[in-house]
Amino acid sequence: MRILLVVLTLLLVATQYRLWAGENSLREVVRLREQIQRQLDGNAALVERNQVLEQEIEDLRHGLDAVEERARHELGMIREDEQFYRVIRRPQS
């Protein structure tokens, strides 16, 4: 009877070790869940960025206003009938 009790105790300790510290332990499961949540958050941010880019692409395809705005701000272009004035501020001392 004593040997059976020792064997059962050793089996209990072995299974508890695998549960808490071994391969596929609870600690690893928690770590993987946190990693999945971080990845889902990152994916959500990328989906939002892609939606903004898709809207911008649609604006550029269908409207000249978006193209004109980009040309003005990014390339510094002006229309033929416009005059460009550059205002240079004096450095404050």
N, C-alpha and C. Protein backbone atom coordinates (compact mmCIF):
# COMPACT_ATOMS: atom_id res chain seq x y z
N MET A 1 0.82 -1.19 0.00
CA MET A 1 0.00 0.00 0.00
C MET A 1 0.87 1.26 0.00
N ARG A 2 1.94 1.20 0.71
CA ARG A 2 2.84 2.34 0.81
C ARG A 2 3.48 2.64 -0.55
N ILE A 3 3.84 1.61 -1.29
CA ILE A 3 4.44 1.79 -2.61
C ILE A 3 3.43 2.42 -3.56
N LEU A 4 2.17 2.01 -3.48
CA LEU A 4 1.13 2.59 -4.31
C LEU A 4 0.96 4.08 -4.00
N LEU A 5 1.00 4.45 -2.74
CA LEU A 5 0.88 5.85 -2.34
C LEU A 5 2.06 6.67 -2.87
N VAL A 6 3.27 6.12 -2.81
CA VAL A 6 4.46 6.81 -3.33
C VAL A 6 4.36 6.98 -4.84
N VAL A 7 3.93 5.94 -5.53
CA VAL A 7 3.80 6.01 -6.99
C VAL A 7 2.75 7.05 -7.39
N LEU A 8 1.63 7.03 -6.71
CA LEU A 8 0.57 8.01 -7.01
C LEU A 8 1.03 9.44 -6.72
N THR A 9 1.76 9.63 -5.64
CA THR A 9 2.31 10.95 -5.30
C THR A 9 3.28 11.42 -6.37
N LEU A 10 4.15 10.52 -6.82
CA LEU A 10 5.09 10.89 -7.88
C LEU A 10 4.37 11.24 -9.18
N LEU A 11 3.33 10.50 -9.51
CA LEU A 11 2.54 10.81 -10.70
C LEU A 11 1.86 12.18 -10.58
N LEU A 12 1.34 12.46 -9.38
CA LEU A 12 0.71 13.75 -9.15
C LEU A 12 1.71 14.89 -9.30
N VAL A 13 2.90 14.72 -8.73
CA VAL A 13 3.94 15.74 -8.84
C VAL A 13 4.37 15.91 -10.30
N ALA A 14 4.48 14.83 -11.04
CA ALA A 14 4.90 14.90 -12.45
C ALA A 14 3.86 15.63 -13.28
N THR A 15 2.59 15.33 -13.05
CA THR A 15 1.56 16.03 -13.84
C THR A 15 1.45 17.49 -13.46
N GLN A 16 1.62 17.79 -12.19
CA GLN A 16 1.58 19.19 -11.76
C GLN A 16 2.76 19.97 -12.33
N TYR A 17 3.92 19.35 -12.41
CA TYR A 17 5.08 20.02 -12.99
C TYR A 17 4.82 20.38 -14.44
N ARG A 18 4.29 19.45 -15.22
CA ARG A 18 3.99 19.72 -16.64
C ARG A 18 2.94 20.82 -16.75
N LEU A 19 1.98 20.84 -15.82
CA LEU A 19 0.92 21.85 -15.87
C LEU A 19 1.48 23.24 -15.61
N TRP A 20 2.36 23.40 -14.65
CA TRP A 20 2.82 24.72 -14.25
C TRP A 20 4.12 25.15 -14.90
N ALA A 21 5.02 24.22 -15.24
CA ALA A 21 6.33 24.64 -15.72
C ALA A 21 6.79 23.93 -16.99
N GLY A 22 6.15 22.89 -17.38
CA GLY A 22 6.62 22.12 -18.53
C GLY A 22 6.17 22.71 -19.86
N GLU A 23 6.31 21.89 -20.90
CA GLU A 23 5.90 22.31 -22.23
C GLU A 23 4.37 22.47 -22.26
N ASN A 24 3.90 23.53 -22.91
CA ASN A 24 2.47 23.86 -22.99
C ASN A 24 1.87 24.11 -21.60
N SER A 25 2.63 24.74 -20.73
CA SER A 25 2.17 25.01 -19.37
C SER A 25 1.20 26.19 -19.37
N LEU A 26 0.60 26.42 -18.23
CA LEU A 26 -0.32 27.55 -18.10
C LEU A 26 0.40 28.88 -18.33
N ARG A 27 1.63 28.99 -17.89
CA ARG A 27 2.41 30.20 -18.09
C ARG A 27 2.58 30.49 -19.58
N GLU A 28 2.88 29.44 -20.34
CA GLU A 28 3.06 29.60 -21.78
C GLU A 28 1.74 29.96 -22.46
N VAL A 29 0.65 29.39 -22.00
CA VAL A 29 -0.67 29.70 -22.57
C VAL A 29 -1.00 31.18 -22.34
N VAL A 30 -0.73 31.69 -21.16
CA VAL A 30 -0.99 33.10 -20.86
C VAL A 30 -0.11 33.98 -21.73
N ARG A 31 1.16 33.62 -21.88
CA ARG A 31 2.07 34.40 -22.72
C ARG A 31 1.61 34.42 -24.17
N LEU A 32 1.16 33.29 -24.66
CA LEU A 32 0.67 33.22 -26.04
C LEU A 32 -0.61 34.02 -26.24
N ARG A 33 -1.49 34.02 -25.25
CA ARG A 33 -2.71 34.83 -25.35
C ARG A 33 -2.38 36.32 -25.39
N GLU A 34 -1.40 36.74 -24.59
CA GLU A 34 -0.98 38.14 -24.61
C GLU A 34 -0.37 38.49 -25.96
N GLN A 35 0.42 37.57 -26.51
CA GLN A 35 1.04 37.80 -27.81
C GLN A 35 -0.02 37.88 -28.90
N ILE A 36 -1.04 37.05 -28.82
CA ILE A 36 -2.14 37.10 -29.79
C ILE A 36 -2.87 38.43 -29.70
N GLN A 37 -3.11 38.91 -28.48
CA GLN A 37 -3.81 40.18 -28.31
C GLN A 37 -2.99 41.34 -28.88
N ARG A 38 -1.67 41.33 -28.66
CA ARG A 38 -0.82 42.38 -29.23
C ARG A 38 -0.86 42.33 -30.75
N GLN A 39 -0.86 41.13 -31.32
CA GLN A 39 -0.91 40.99 -32.77
C GLN A 39 -2.25 41.48 -33.31
N LEU A 40 -3.34 41.17 -32.61
CA LEU A 40 -4.66 41.64 -33.05
C LEU A 40 -4.74 43.16 -33.00
N ASP A 41 -4.16 43.76 -31.96
CA ASP A 41 -4.14 45.22 -31.86
C ASP A 41 -3.34 45.83 -33.01
N GLY A 42 -2.20 45.22 -33.30
CA GLY A 42 -1.39 45.70 -34.43
C GLY A 42 -2.12 45.55 -35.75
N ASN A 43 -2.82 44.44 -35.92
CA ASN A 43 -3.59 44.23 -37.15
C ASN A 43 -4.70 45.26 -37.29
N ALA A 44 -5.36 45.59 -36.18
CA ALA A 44 -6.43 46.59 -36.23
C ALA A 44 -5.88 47.94 -36.66
N ALA A 45 -4.71 48.31 -36.16
CA ALA A 45 -4.10 49.58 -36.56
C ALA A 45 -3.76 49.57 -38.04
N LEU A 46 -3.27 48.44 -38.54
CA LEU A 46 -2.93 48.34 -39.96
C LEU A 46 -4.18 48.38 -40.84
N VAL A 47 -5.25 47.77 -40.38
CA VAL A 47 -6.51 47.81 -41.14
C VAL A 47 -7.02 49.25 -41.23
N GLU A 48 -6.93 49.97 -40.13
CA GLU A 48 -7.35 51.38 -40.12
C GLU A 48 -6.49 52.20 -41.08
N ARG A 49 -5.19 51.99 -41.05
CA ARG A 49 -4.30 52.72 -41.96
C ARG A 49 -4.61 52.38 -43.41
N ASN A 50 -4.89 51.11 -43.69
CA ASN A 50 -5.23 50.71 -45.06
C ASN A 50 -6.52 51.36 -45.52
N GLN A 51 -7.49 51.50 -44.64
CA GLN A 51 -8.75 52.16 -45.00
C GLN A 51 -8.51 53.63 -45.36
N VAL A 52 -7.65 54.29 -44.61
CA VAL A 52 -7.33 55.68 -44.91
C VAL A 52 -6.65 55.78 -46.27
N LEU A 53 -5.74 54.87 -46.54
CA LEU A 53 -5.05 54.87 -47.83
C LEU A 53 -6.01 54.57 -48.98
N GLU A 54 -6.94 53.66 -48.77
CA GLU A 54 -7.93 53.35 -49.81
C GLU A 54 -8.80 54.56 -50.11
N GLN A 55 -9.20 55.29 -49.07
CA GLN A 55 -10.00 56.50 -49.28
C GLN A 55 -9.20 57.54 -50.05
N GLU A 56 -7.94 57.68 -49.72
CA GLU A 56 -7.09 58.63 -50.42
C GLU A 56 -6.92 58.24 -51.89
N ILE A 57 -6.77 56.96 -52.15
CA ILE A 57 -6.66 56.49 -53.53
C ILE A 57 -7.93 56.79 -54.30
N GLU A 58 -9.08 56.54 -53.68
CA GLU A 58 -10.36 56.84 -54.34
C GLU A 58 -10.47 58.33 -54.65
N ASP A 59 -10.07 59.18 -53.71
CA ASP A 59 -10.10 60.63 -53.95
C ASP A 59 -9.20 61.00 -55.13
N LEU A 60 -8.04 60.41 -55.19
CA LEU A 60 -7.11 60.73 -56.27
C LEU A 60 -7.62 60.21 -57.62
N ARG A 61 -8.33 59.11 -57.64
CA ARG A 61 -8.85 58.55 -58.88
C ARG A 61 -10.03 59.35 -59.44
N HIS A 62 -10.89 59.85 -58.56
CA HIS A 62 -12.15 60.42 -59.01
C HIS A 62 -12.23 61.95 -58.94
N GLY A 63 -11.31 62.57 -58.27
CA GLY A 63 -11.44 64.01 -58.15
C GLY A 63 -10.13 64.72 -58.39
N LEU A 64 -10.24 65.86 -59.05
CA LEU A 64 -9.04 66.66 -59.30
C LEU A 64 -8.67 67.50 -58.09
N ASP A 65 -9.60 67.69 -57.18
CA ASP A 65 -9.31 68.50 -55.99
C ASP A 65 -8.19 67.86 -55.15
N ALA A 66 -8.25 66.57 -54.99
CA ALA A 66 -7.22 65.89 -54.20
C ALA A 66 -5.87 65.96 -54.89
N VAL A 67 -5.86 65.81 -56.20
CA VAL A 67 -4.61 65.90 -56.96
C VAL A 67 -4.04 67.32 -56.85
N GLU A 68 -4.91 68.32 -56.98
CA GLU A 68 -4.46 69.71 -56.88
C GLU A 68 -3.91 70.00 -55.49
N GLU A 69 -4.59 69.51 -54.47
CA GLU A 69 -4.13 69.75 -53.11
C GLU A 69 -2.74 69.13 -52.87
N ARG A 70 -2.53 67.92 -53.36
CA ARG A 70 -1.21 67.29 -53.22
C ARG A 70 -0.15 68.07 -53.99
N ALA A 71 -0.48 68.51 -55.18
CA ALA A 71 0.50 69.26 -55.98
C ALA A 71 0.88 70.56 -55.28
N ARG A 72 -0.08 71.20 -54.67
CA ARG A 72 0.20 72.46 -53.97
C ARG A 72 1.06 72.23 -52.72
N HIS A 73 0.69 71.28 -51.91
CA HIS A 73 1.36 71.10 -50.62
C HIS A 73 2.68 70.33 -50.74
N GLU A 74 2.70 69.32 -51.54
CA GLU A 74 3.91 68.49 -51.59
C GLU A 74 4.91 68.96 -52.63
N LEU A 75 4.43 69.52 -53.73
CA LEU A 75 5.33 69.92 -54.80
C LEU A 75 5.48 71.44 -54.92
N GLY A 76 4.66 72.19 -54.19
CA GLY A 76 4.77 73.65 -54.23
C GLY A 76 4.31 74.25 -55.55
N MET A 77 3.40 73.60 -56.24
CA MET A 77 2.94 74.08 -57.54
C MET A 77 1.84 75.13 -57.36
N ILE A 78 1.72 76.00 -58.35
CA ILE A 78 0.67 77.02 -58.38
C ILE A 78 0.03 77.02 -59.76
N ARG A 79 -1.15 77.65 -59.86
CA ARG A 79 -1.83 77.77 -61.15
C ARG A 79 -1.21 78.89 -61.97
N GLU A 80 -1.58 78.92 -63.25
CA GLU A 80 -1.04 79.94 -64.15
C GLU A 80 -1.45 81.35 -63.73
N ASP A 81 -2.67 81.53 -63.26
CA ASP A 81 -3.17 82.86 -62.93
C ASP A 81 -2.90 83.27 -61.49
N GLU A 82 -2.11 82.52 -60.77
CA GLU A 82 -1.82 82.83 -59.38
C GLU A 82 -0.40 83.39 -59.24
N GLN A 83 -0.19 84.11 -58.17
CA GLN A 83 1.14 84.59 -57.84
C GLN A 83 1.54 83.97 -56.50
N PHE A 84 2.80 83.63 -56.42
CA PHE A 84 3.31 82.98 -55.23
C PHE A 84 4.09 83.99 -54.41
N TYR A 85 3.73 84.11 -53.14
CA TYR A 85 4.45 84.99 -52.23
C TYR A 85 5.02 84.13 -51.11
N ARG A 86 6.29 84.33 -50.87
CA ARG A 86 6.93 83.61 -49.77
C ARG A 86 7.19 84.59 -48.64
N VAL A 87 6.69 84.30 -47.49
CA VAL A 87 6.83 85.17 -46.33
C VAL A 87 7.92 84.58 -45.44
N ILE A 88 8.97 85.35 -45.24
CA ILE A 88 10.06 84.91 -44.40
C ILE A 88 10.01 85.71 -43.11
N ARG A 89 9.89 85.02 -42.02
CA ARG A 89 9.79 85.69 -40.72
C ARG A 89 11.19 85.94 -40.18
N ARG A 90 11.33 87.07 -39.52
CA ARG A 90 12.60 87.39 -38.89
C ARG A 90 12.80 86.54 -37.65
N PRO A 91 14.01 86.08 -37.46
CA PRO A 91 14.24 85.30 -36.23
C PRO A 91 14.10 86.19 -34.99
N GLN A 92 13.46 85.68 -34.01
CA GLN A 92 13.27 86.43 -32.77
C GLN A 92 14.52 86.31 -31.92
N SER A 93 14.94 87.43 -31.35
CA SER A 93 16.16 87.39 -30.54
C SER A 93 15.87 87.42 -29.07
